[in-house]
C-alpha atoms as a PDB file:
ATOM      1  CA  MET A   1     126.710  96.671  76.206  1.00  0.00           C
ATOM      2  CA  ARG A   2     123.932  94.230  76.524  1.00  0.00           C
ATOM      3  CA  ARG A   3     123.421  94.980  80.266  1.00  0.00           C
ATOM      4  CA  GLY A   4     123.232  99.110  78.962  1.00  0.00           C
ATOM      5  CA  CYS A   5     120.470  97.966  76.514  1.00  0.00           C
ATOM      6  CA  SER A   6     119.273  95.784  79.022  1.00  0.00           C
ATOM      7  CA  ILE A   7     119.067  99.187  82.022  1.00  0.00           C
ATOM      8  CA  ALA A   8     117.565 101.455  79.184  1.00  0.00           C
ATOM      9  CA  LEU A   9     114.387  98.896  78.228  1.00  0.00           C
ATOM     10  CA  PHE A  10     113.467  97.455  81.693  1.00  0.00           C
ATOM     11  CA  VAL A  11     113.308 101.674  82.970  1.00  0.00           C
ATOM     12  CA  ALA A  12     111.078 102.492  80.016  1.00  0.00           C
ATOM     13  CA  GLY A  13     109.181  99.437  80.659  1.00  0.00           C
ATOM     14  CA  GLY A  14     108.180 100.185  84.646  1.00  0.00           C
ATOM     15  CA  TRP A  15     108.299 103.714  83.114  1.00  0.00           C
ATOM     16  CA  THR A  16     105.159 103.132  80.838  1.00  0.00           C
ATOM     17  CA  LEU A  17     103.953 100.141  83.499  1.00  0.00           C
ATOM     18  CA  SER A  18     103.842 103.006  86.197  1.00  0.00           C
ATOM     19  CA  SER A  19     101.315 104.692  83.974  1.00  0.00           C
ATOM     20  CA  VAL A  20      98.783 101.610  85.134  1.00  0.00           C
ATOM     21  CA  ALA A  21      98.112 103.417  88.252  1.00  0.00           C
ATOM     22  CA  MET A  22      97.301 106.909  87.199  1.00  0.00           C
ATOM     23  CA  ILE A  23      94.833 105.127  84.453  1.00  0.00           C
ATOM     24  CA  GLY A  24      92.823 103.198  86.872  1.00  0.00           C
ATOM     25  CA  LEU A  25      92.047 106.112  88.875  1.00  0.00           C
ATOM     26  CA  ILE A  26      90.724 108.149  85.872  1.00  0.00           C
ATOM     27  CA  PRO A  27      86.470 107.290  85.673  1.00  0.00           C
ATOM     28  CA  GLU A  28      85.511 104.647  83.823  1.00  0.00           C
ATOM     29  CA  ASP A  29      84.066 105.771  79.935  1.00  0.00           C
ATOM     30  CA  GLU A  30      80.734 104.120  78.654  1.00  0.00           C
ATOM     31  CA  ALA A  31      82.757 102.572  75.420  1.00  0.00           C
ATOM     32  CA  LEU A  32      85.560 101.464  77.993  1.00  0.00           C
ATOM     33  CA  PRO A  33      85.873  99.485  81.063  1.00  0.00           C
ATOM     34  CA  ARG A  34      88.738 101.341  83.154  1.00  0.00           C
ATOM     35  CA  TRP A  35      90.733  97.197  83.466  1.00  0.00           C
ATOM     36  CA  ALA A  36      90.586  97.247  79.339  1.00  0.00           C
ATOM     37  CA  MET A  37      92.220 100.863  79.835  1.00  0.00           C
ATOM     38  CA  VAL A  38      94.895  99.265  82.239  1.00  0.00           C
ATOM     39  CA  ALA A  39      95.165  96.097  80.071  1.00  0.00           C
ATOM     40  CA  ILE A  40      96.418  97.892  77.156  1.00  0.00           C
ATOM     41  CA  PHE A  41      99.141 100.108  79.163  1.00  0.00           C
ATOM     42  CA  ALA A  42     100.301  96.946  80.788  1.00  0.00           C
ATOM     43  CA  ILE A  43     100.211  95.266  76.759  1.00  0.00           C
ATOM     44  CA  PHE A  44     101.742  98.339  75.264  1.00  0.00           C
ATOM     45  CA  ALA A  45     104.497  97.884  78.424  1.00  0.00           C
ATOM     46  CA  ALA A  46     105.550  94.246  78.562  1.00  0.00           C
ATOM     47  CA  PRO A  47     107.490  94.610  74.242  1.00  0.00           C
ATOM     48  CA  PHE A  48     109.999  96.244  76.501  1.00  0.00           C
ATOM     49  CA  LEU A  49     109.856  94.459  79.956  1.00  0.00           C
ATOM     50  CA  LEU A  50     110.157  90.973  77.292  1.00  0.00           C
ATOM     51  CA  ALA A  51     113.509  92.631  75.241  1.00  0.00           C
ATOM     52  CA  ALA A  52     115.397  93.692  79.167  1.00  0.00           C
ATOM     53  CA  THR A  53     114.240  90.016  79.970  1.00  0.00           C
ATOM     54  CA  TRP A  54     115.895  88.566  77.166  1.00  0.00           C
ATOM     55  CA  LEU A  55     118.867  91.301  76.439  1.00  0.00           C
ATOM     56  CA  SER A  56     119.776  90.605  80.554  1.00  0.00           C
ATOM     57  CA  PRO A  57     123.421  89.277  81.316  1.00  0.00           C
ATOM     58  CA  GLY A  58     122.331  88.061  84.938  1.00  0.00           C
ATOM     59  CA  LYS A  59     119.880  86.716  86.540  1.00  0.00           C
ATOM     60  CA  ARG A  60     117.097  87.720  84.317  1.00  0.00           C
ATOM     61  CA  LEU A  61     113.501  86.897  86.122  1.00  0.00           C
ATOM     62  CA  ALA A  62     115.120  88.238  89.120  1.00  0.00           C
ATOM     63  CA  GLU A  63     116.005  91.378  87.896  1.00  0.00           C
ATOM     64  CA  LEU A  64     112.733  91.588  86.050  1.00  0.00           C
ATOM     65  CA  GLY A  65     111.038  91.089  89.433  1.00  0.00           C
ATOM     66  CA  LEU A  66     112.812  93.866  90.930  1.00  0.00           C
ATOM     67  CA  THR A  67     111.851  96.118  88.125  1.00  0.00           C
ATOM     68  CA  LEU A  68     108.259  95.029  88.627  1.00  0.00           C
ATOM     69  CA  MET A  69     108.588  95.744  92.732  1.00  0.00           C
ATOM     70  CA  ILE A  70     110.534  99.534  91.940  1.00  0.00           C
ATOM     71  CA  THR A  71     107.268 100.274  89.645  1.00  0.00           C
ATOM     72  CA  ALA A  72     105.077  99.625  91.640  1.00  0.00           C
ATOM     73  CA  GLY A  73     106.167 101.243  94.421  1.00  0.00           C
ATOM     74  CA  VAL A  74     106.648 104.450  91.649  1.00  0.00           C
ATOM     75  CA  ALA A  75     103.101 104.179  91.073  1.00  0.00           C
ATOM     76  CA  PHE A  76     101.558 104.015  94.410  1.00  0.00           C
ATOM     77  CA  THR A  77     103.773 107.010  95.418  1.00  0.00           C
ATOM     78  CA  MET A  78     102.280 108.702  92.577  1.00  0.00           C
ATOM     79  CA  VAL A  79      98.911 107.924  93.683  1.00  0.00           C
ATOM     80  CA  ILE A  80      99.832 109.283  97.387  1.00  0.00           C
ATOM     81  CA  THR A  81     101.392 112.188  95.735  1.00  0.00           C
ATOM     82  CA  MET A  82      97.717 112.630  93.687  1.00  0.00           C
ATOM     83  CA  ALA A  83      95.543 111.706  96.824  1.00  0.00           C
ATOM     84  CA  ALA A  84      98.053 114.680  98.911  1.00  0.00           C
ATOM     85  CA  ILE A  85      96.813 117.180  96.200  1.00  0.00           C
ATOM     86  CA  PHE A  86      93.682 116.184  95.700  1.00  0.00           C
ATOM     87  CA  PHE A  87      92.311 116.457  98.923  1.00  0.00           C
ATOM     88  CA  ASP A  88      93.957 119.598 100.012  1.00  0.00           C
ATOM     89  CA  PRO A  89      91.781 122.706 100.022  1.00  0.00           C
ATOM     90  CA  ALA A  90      94.697 124.912  99.145  1.00  0.00           C
ATOM     91  CA  MET A  91      95.274 123.304  96.522  1.00  0.00           C
ATOM     92  CA  LYS A  92      91.242 123.534  95.102  1.00  0.00           C
ATOM     93  CA  ARG A  93      91.616 126.709  94.058  1.00  0.00           C
ATOM     94  CA  PHE A  94      94.117 126.347  91.887  1.00  0.00           C
ATOM     95  CA  MET A  95      92.657 123.377  89.875  1.00  0.00           C
ATOM     96  CA  PRO A  96      90.349 123.878  87.266  1.00  0.00           C
ATOM     97  CA  ASN A  97      86.000 122.981  87.787  1.00  0.00           C
ATOM     98  CA  THR A  98      85.771 120.630  84.669  1.00  0.00           C
ATOM     99  CA  LEU A  99      89.213 118.222  86.890  1.00  0.00           C
ATOM    100  CA  TYR A 100      88.394 114.510  86.698  1.00  0.00           C
ATOM    101  CA  ASP A 101      86.837 112.752  89.558  1.00  0.00           C
ATOM    102  CA  PHE A 102      89.270 110.895  90.828  1.00  0.00           C
ATOM    103  CA  ASP A 103      88.437 107.269  92.443  1.00  0.00           C
ATOM    104  CA  PHE A 104      91.428 106.951  94.495  1.00  0.00           C
ATOM    105  CA  THR A 105      89.360 103.029  96.086  1.00  0.00           C
ATOM    106  CA  SER A 106      89.381 101.532  92.516  1.00  0.00           C
ATOM    107  CA  PRO A 107      89.767  97.897  92.233  1.00  0.00           C
ATOM    108  CA  ALA A 108      92.161  98.629  88.640  1.00  0.00           C
ATOM    109  CA  MET A 109      94.104 100.999  90.191  1.00  0.00           C
ATOM    110  CA  ILE A 110      94.248  98.880  93.494  1.00  0.00           C
ATOM    111  CA  GLY A 111      94.412  95.523  91.564  1.00  0.00           C
ATOM    112  CA  SER A 112      97.661  96.413  89.442  1.00  0.00           C
ATOM    113  CA  LEU A 113      99.392  97.245  92.145  1.00  0.00           C
ATOM    114  CA  LEU A 114      99.500  94.332  93.936  1.00  0.00           C
ATOM    115  CA  LEU A 115      99.520  92.259  90.818  1.00  0.00           C
ATOM    116  CA  ILE A 116     102.385  94.160  90.103  1.00  0.00           C
ATOM    117  CA  GLY A 117     104.484  94.327  92.858  1.00  0.00           C
ATOM    118  CA  GLY A 118     102.938  90.922  94.239  1.00  0.00           C
ATOM    119  CA  GLY A 119     104.414  88.840  90.604  1.00  0.00           C
ATOM    120  CA  GLY A 120     107.778  91.296  91.135  1.00  0.00           C
ATOM    121  CA  TYR A 121     108.036  88.971  94.732  1.00  0.00           C
ATOM    122  CA  LEU A 122     107.183  86.075  93.901  1.00  0.00           C
ATOM    123  CA  LEU A 123     110.035  86.608  90.864  1.00  0.00           C
ATOM    124  CA  TRP A 124     112.164  88.260  91.964  1.00  0.00           C
ATOM    125  CA  ARG A 125     112.196  85.497  95.433  1.00  0.00           C
ATOM    126  CA  ARG A 126     112.461  82.110  93.114  1.00  0.00           C
ATOM    127  CA  PRO A 127     114.364  79.671  93.529  1.00  0.00           C
ATOM    128  CA  ALA A 128     117.535  80.310  91.130  1.00  0.00           C
ATOM    129  CA  ARG A 129     117.936  76.846  88.917  1.00  0.00           C
ATOM    130  CA  ARG A 130     122.007  75.339  89.101  1.00  0.00           C
END
C-alpha cells in the first residue's frame, strides 16, 4: 500500500515538475520574471515529491533522485519536441499568428533542467548509511 501511494505521488510530483521546462520557454511578463514562474511551479511540485519520499519504504533519497532524473529527461524531451515542431516550416501554416515567441536558449529553462537532473543524480548516487 505504501509503495503504491509513493509511486503515485512520485508520478504526480514528477509530472508537475516537468512543466518547469515549458514554463521556462514562455516569454517573460513585465510583472513576473521567468525565474519566479519556474520557482512557483517547482514549489507546487515539492509537496508531492516530499510526501512520496516520506511514504517510500525503500531507499528514499535514491528513489527521489531517480524520479528527478526521469523528470529532467521527460522535460528535455518535451523541449526538443517543441523545438522540432516550432522550427518546422511545414508546421508554420498550422500555427496561429499570435503564438508565443518561445526562447529555447532561456537560462531559466536550461538552469532548471540542469538543477533537476544534477540534483537527482547526486541523490541517486549518494552512498547509503549503514
